[in-house]
N, C-alpha and C. Protein backbone atom coordinates (compact mmCIF):
# COMPACT_ATOMS: atom_id res chain seq x y z
N MET A 1 120.81 143.03 202.59
CA MET A 1 121.02 143.47 201.23
C MET A 1 121.10 144.99 201.17
N CYS A 2 120.08 145.69 201.66
CA CYS A 2 120.09 147.15 201.63
C CYS A 2 121.17 147.70 202.54
N VAL A 3 121.48 146.99 203.62
CA VAL A 3 122.54 147.41 204.52
C VAL A 3 123.86 147.47 203.77
N ASP A 4 124.06 146.55 202.84
CA ASP A 4 125.28 146.52 202.05
C ASP A 4 125.43 147.76 201.17
N CYS A 5 124.33 148.42 200.86
CA CYS A 5 124.35 149.60 199.99
C CYS A 5 124.67 150.89 200.75
N LEU A 6 124.59 150.88 202.07
CA LEU A 6 124.80 152.10 202.84
C LEU A 6 126.14 152.78 202.56
N PRO A 7 127.26 152.06 202.47
CA PRO A 7 128.51 152.75 202.17
C PRO A 7 128.46 153.53 200.86
N PHE A 8 127.79 152.97 199.85
CA PHE A 8 127.65 153.69 198.58
C PHE A 8 126.84 154.96 198.76
N PHE A 9 125.69 154.85 199.42
CA PHE A 9 124.82 156.01 199.57
C PHE A 9 125.48 157.11 200.39
N ARG A 10 126.36 156.74 201.28
CA ARG A 10 127.06 157.75 202.08
C ARG A 10 128.06 158.52 201.24
N THR A 11 128.46 158.00 200.08
CA THR A 11 129.43 158.69 199.24
C THR A 11 128.78 159.54 198.15
N VAL A 12 127.47 159.48 198.03
CA VAL A 12 126.77 160.24 196.98
C VAL A 12 126.98 161.73 197.22
N LYS A 13 127.34 162.44 196.17
CA LYS A 13 127.60 163.87 196.28
C LYS A 13 126.29 164.64 196.42
N THR A 14 126.29 165.60 197.31
CA THR A 14 125.14 166.48 197.50
C THR A 14 125.64 167.89 197.70
N THR A 15 124.75 168.84 197.58
CA THR A 15 125.11 170.21 197.90
C THR A 15 125.05 170.39 199.40
N GLU A 16 125.65 171.44 199.89
CA GLU A 16 125.67 171.68 201.34
C GLU A 16 124.26 171.80 201.91
N GLU A 17 123.32 172.40 201.15
CA GLU A 17 121.96 172.56 201.64
C GLU A 17 121.24 171.22 201.75
N GLN A 18 121.61 170.27 200.92
CA GLN A 18 120.94 168.97 200.90
C GLN A 18 121.44 168.04 201.99
N ARG A 19 122.60 168.33 202.54
CA ARG A 19 123.18 167.42 203.52
C ARG A 19 122.44 167.48 204.84
N SER A 20 122.24 166.35 205.40
CA SER A 20 121.61 166.25 206.71
C SER A 20 122.69 166.15 207.77
N THR A 21 122.46 166.80 208.88
CA THR A 21 123.41 166.69 209.97
C THR A 21 123.09 165.50 210.87
N GLN A 22 121.96 164.86 210.60
CA GLN A 22 121.55 163.71 211.39
C GLN A 22 122.10 162.42 210.77
N PRO A 23 122.61 161.51 211.59
CA PRO A 23 123.06 160.23 211.03
C PRO A 23 121.87 159.41 210.55
N TRP A 24 122.14 158.51 209.64
CA TRP A 24 121.08 157.64 209.13
C TRP A 24 120.65 156.69 210.22
N ARG A 25 119.38 156.46 210.28
CA ARG A 25 118.84 155.50 211.23
C ARG A 25 118.64 154.18 210.50
N LEU A 26 119.16 153.14 211.05
CA LEU A 26 119.02 151.81 210.45
C LEU A 26 117.91 151.07 211.16
N GLU A 27 116.94 150.62 210.39
CA GLU A 27 115.81 149.90 210.96
C GLU A 27 115.60 148.62 210.15
N LEU A 28 115.65 147.49 210.82
CA LEU A 28 115.47 146.22 210.13
C LEU A 28 113.99 145.86 210.11
N ALA A 29 113.49 145.57 208.92
CA ALA A 29 112.08 145.21 208.76
C ALA A 29 111.91 143.72 209.02
N LYS A 30 110.81 143.39 209.66
CA LYS A 30 110.51 141.98 209.94
C LYS A 30 109.38 141.51 209.03
N ASP A 31 109.36 140.24 208.76
CA ASP A 31 108.30 139.61 207.97
C ASP A 31 108.15 140.21 206.58
N VAL A 32 109.27 140.55 205.95
CA VAL A 32 109.24 141.07 204.59
C VAL A 32 109.14 139.89 203.63
N PRO A 33 108.20 139.93 202.69
CA PRO A 33 108.08 138.82 201.74
C PRO A 33 109.39 138.62 200.97
N GLN A 34 109.76 137.37 200.77
CA GLN A 34 110.99 137.04 200.06
C GLN A 34 110.67 136.51 198.68
N GLN A 35 111.55 136.78 197.76
CA GLN A 35 111.34 136.28 196.41
C GLN A 35 111.74 134.82 196.32
N SER A 36 111.09 134.11 195.41
CA SER A 36 111.42 132.70 195.22
C SER A 36 112.07 132.48 193.86
N ASP A 37 112.23 133.56 193.11
CA ASP A 37 112.91 133.45 191.82
C ASP A 37 114.12 134.39 191.84
N GLY A 38 114.82 134.45 190.75
CA GLY A 38 116.01 135.29 190.70
C GLY A 38 115.82 136.59 189.95
N ILE A 39 114.58 136.96 189.65
CA ILE A 39 114.38 138.14 188.80
C ILE A 39 113.44 139.19 189.38
N ALA A 40 112.80 138.92 190.49
CA ALA A 40 111.77 139.84 190.99
C ALA A 40 112.27 140.79 192.07
N CYS A 41 113.57 140.81 192.35
CA CYS A 41 114.04 141.61 193.49
C CYS A 41 113.77 143.10 193.30
N GLY A 42 113.97 143.63 192.11
CA GLY A 42 113.75 145.05 191.88
C GLY A 42 112.30 145.45 192.07
N VAL A 43 111.40 144.64 191.56
CA VAL A 43 109.97 144.91 191.70
C VAL A 43 109.57 144.83 193.17
N ARG A 44 110.08 143.84 193.86
CA ARG A 44 109.75 143.69 195.28
C ARG A 44 110.30 144.85 196.11
N ILE A 45 111.49 145.32 195.80
CA ILE A 45 112.05 146.46 196.52
C ILE A 45 111.22 147.71 196.28
N LEU A 46 110.82 147.94 195.02
CA LEU A 46 109.95 149.09 194.73
C LEU A 46 108.64 149.01 195.48
N ALA A 47 108.02 147.84 195.48
CA ALA A 47 106.74 147.68 196.18
C ALA A 47 106.93 147.89 197.68
N PHE A 48 107.99 147.33 198.23
CA PHE A 48 108.26 147.50 199.66
C PHE A 48 108.45 148.97 200.00
N ALA A 49 109.23 149.68 199.18
CA ALA A 49 109.47 151.11 199.43
C ALA A 49 108.17 151.90 199.36
N GLU A 50 107.34 151.61 198.37
CA GLU A 50 106.06 152.32 198.25
C GLU A 50 105.16 152.09 199.45
N TYR A 51 105.05 150.85 199.86
CA TYR A 51 104.21 150.53 201.02
C TYR A 51 104.77 151.18 202.28
N LEU A 52 106.09 151.12 202.45
CA LEU A 52 106.73 151.70 203.62
C LEU A 52 106.51 153.21 203.66
N LEU A 53 106.72 153.88 202.54
CA LEU A 53 106.54 155.34 202.48
C LEU A 53 105.09 155.75 202.70
N ALA A 54 104.16 154.91 202.27
CA ALA A 54 102.74 155.22 202.44
C ALA A 54 102.23 154.83 203.83
N GLY A 55 103.08 154.17 204.62
CA GLY A 55 102.67 153.75 205.95
C GLY A 55 101.72 152.57 205.94
N LEU A 56 101.74 151.80 204.86
CA LEU A 56 100.85 150.65 204.74
C LEU A 56 101.56 149.38 205.20
N PRO A 57 100.82 148.44 205.76
CA PRO A 57 101.44 147.17 206.16
C PRO A 57 101.70 146.30 204.93
N LEU A 58 102.78 145.56 204.97
CA LEU A 58 103.06 144.62 203.89
C LEU A 58 102.32 143.33 204.15
N CYS A 59 101.79 142.77 203.09
CA CYS A 59 101.12 141.48 203.19
C CYS A 59 102.20 140.40 203.05
N PRO A 60 102.46 139.63 204.11
CA PRO A 60 103.55 138.67 204.05
C PRO A 60 103.32 137.48 203.12
N ASP A 61 102.11 137.33 202.61
CA ASP A 61 101.84 136.16 201.77
C ASP A 61 101.53 136.52 200.32
N TYR A 62 102.05 137.66 199.84
CA TYR A 62 101.76 137.93 198.44
C TYR A 62 102.58 137.01 197.56
N THR A 63 102.05 136.74 196.38
CA THR A 63 102.58 135.70 195.51
C THR A 63 103.27 136.29 194.28
N HIS A 64 103.78 135.39 193.45
CA HIS A 64 104.41 135.83 192.21
C HIS A 64 103.41 136.56 191.31
N GLU A 65 102.14 136.18 191.39
CA GLU A 65 101.12 136.88 190.60
C GLU A 65 101.01 138.34 191.03
N HIS A 66 101.15 138.59 192.33
CA HIS A 66 101.15 139.97 192.81
C HIS A 66 102.34 140.74 192.22
N VAL A 67 103.49 140.07 192.16
CA VAL A 67 104.68 140.71 191.59
C VAL A 67 104.43 141.05 190.13
N ASP A 68 103.78 140.15 189.40
CA ASP A 68 103.44 140.45 188.00
C ASP A 68 102.52 141.66 187.91
N ASP A 69 101.57 141.77 188.83
CA ASP A 69 100.69 142.95 188.85
C ASP A 69 101.48 144.22 189.13
N PHE A 70 102.40 144.18 190.10
CA PHE A 70 103.24 145.34 190.38
C PHE A 70 104.05 145.71 189.14
N ARG A 71 104.60 144.70 188.48
CA ARG A 71 105.43 144.95 187.29
C ARG A 71 104.61 145.66 186.21
N ARG A 72 103.37 145.22 185.99
CA ARG A 72 102.51 145.87 185.00
C ARG A 72 102.19 147.31 185.41
N GLN A 73 101.92 147.51 186.70
CA GLN A 73 101.62 148.86 187.19
C GLN A 73 102.82 149.78 186.98
N TYR A 74 104.02 149.31 187.30
CA TYR A 74 105.22 150.14 187.13
C TYR A 74 105.47 150.43 185.65
N ALA A 75 105.25 149.44 184.80
CA ALA A 75 105.43 149.65 183.36
C ALA A 75 104.45 150.70 182.85
N ALA A 76 103.20 150.64 183.30
CA ALA A 76 102.20 151.63 182.87
C ALA A 76 102.57 153.01 183.37
N ARG A 77 103.05 153.12 184.60
CA ARG A 77 103.45 154.43 185.13
C ARG A 77 104.59 155.02 184.32
N ILE A 78 105.56 154.17 183.97
CA ILE A 78 106.68 154.65 183.16
C ILE A 78 106.18 155.08 181.79
N PHE A 79 105.33 154.26 181.18
CA PHE A 79 104.81 154.58 179.85
C PHE A 79 104.01 155.88 179.86
N TRP A 80 103.15 156.05 180.85
CA TRP A 80 102.30 157.23 180.93
C TRP A 80 102.94 158.37 181.71
N LYS A 81 104.17 158.14 182.18
CA LYS A 81 104.93 159.15 182.92
C LYS A 81 104.16 159.68 184.12
N THR A 82 103.60 158.77 184.88
CA THR A 82 102.86 159.16 186.08
C THR A 82 103.50 158.52 187.29
N VAL A 83 103.32 159.16 188.41
CA VAL A 83 103.79 158.63 189.68
C VAL A 83 102.63 158.67 190.65
N ALA A 84 102.38 157.56 191.33
CA ALA A 84 101.28 157.53 192.29
C ALA A 84 101.70 158.14 193.60
């Protein structure tokens, strides 16, 4: 899924200072929790990105209730304009 987005991201305009001379490194993640519904993909991607950036391991058995908790946390952050 994210691999399909790479052509788009390569076309994003940047200033010369922002451009990297290094090619993007593609790394496939293993044991990433999968959604079982058709609406939680955005929340799951945000959670995955946060855990990945923080260097935390993903719990492969988190449930839809966890997704609901993430959704509430993201809504509160947006409402209070905070970023963790």
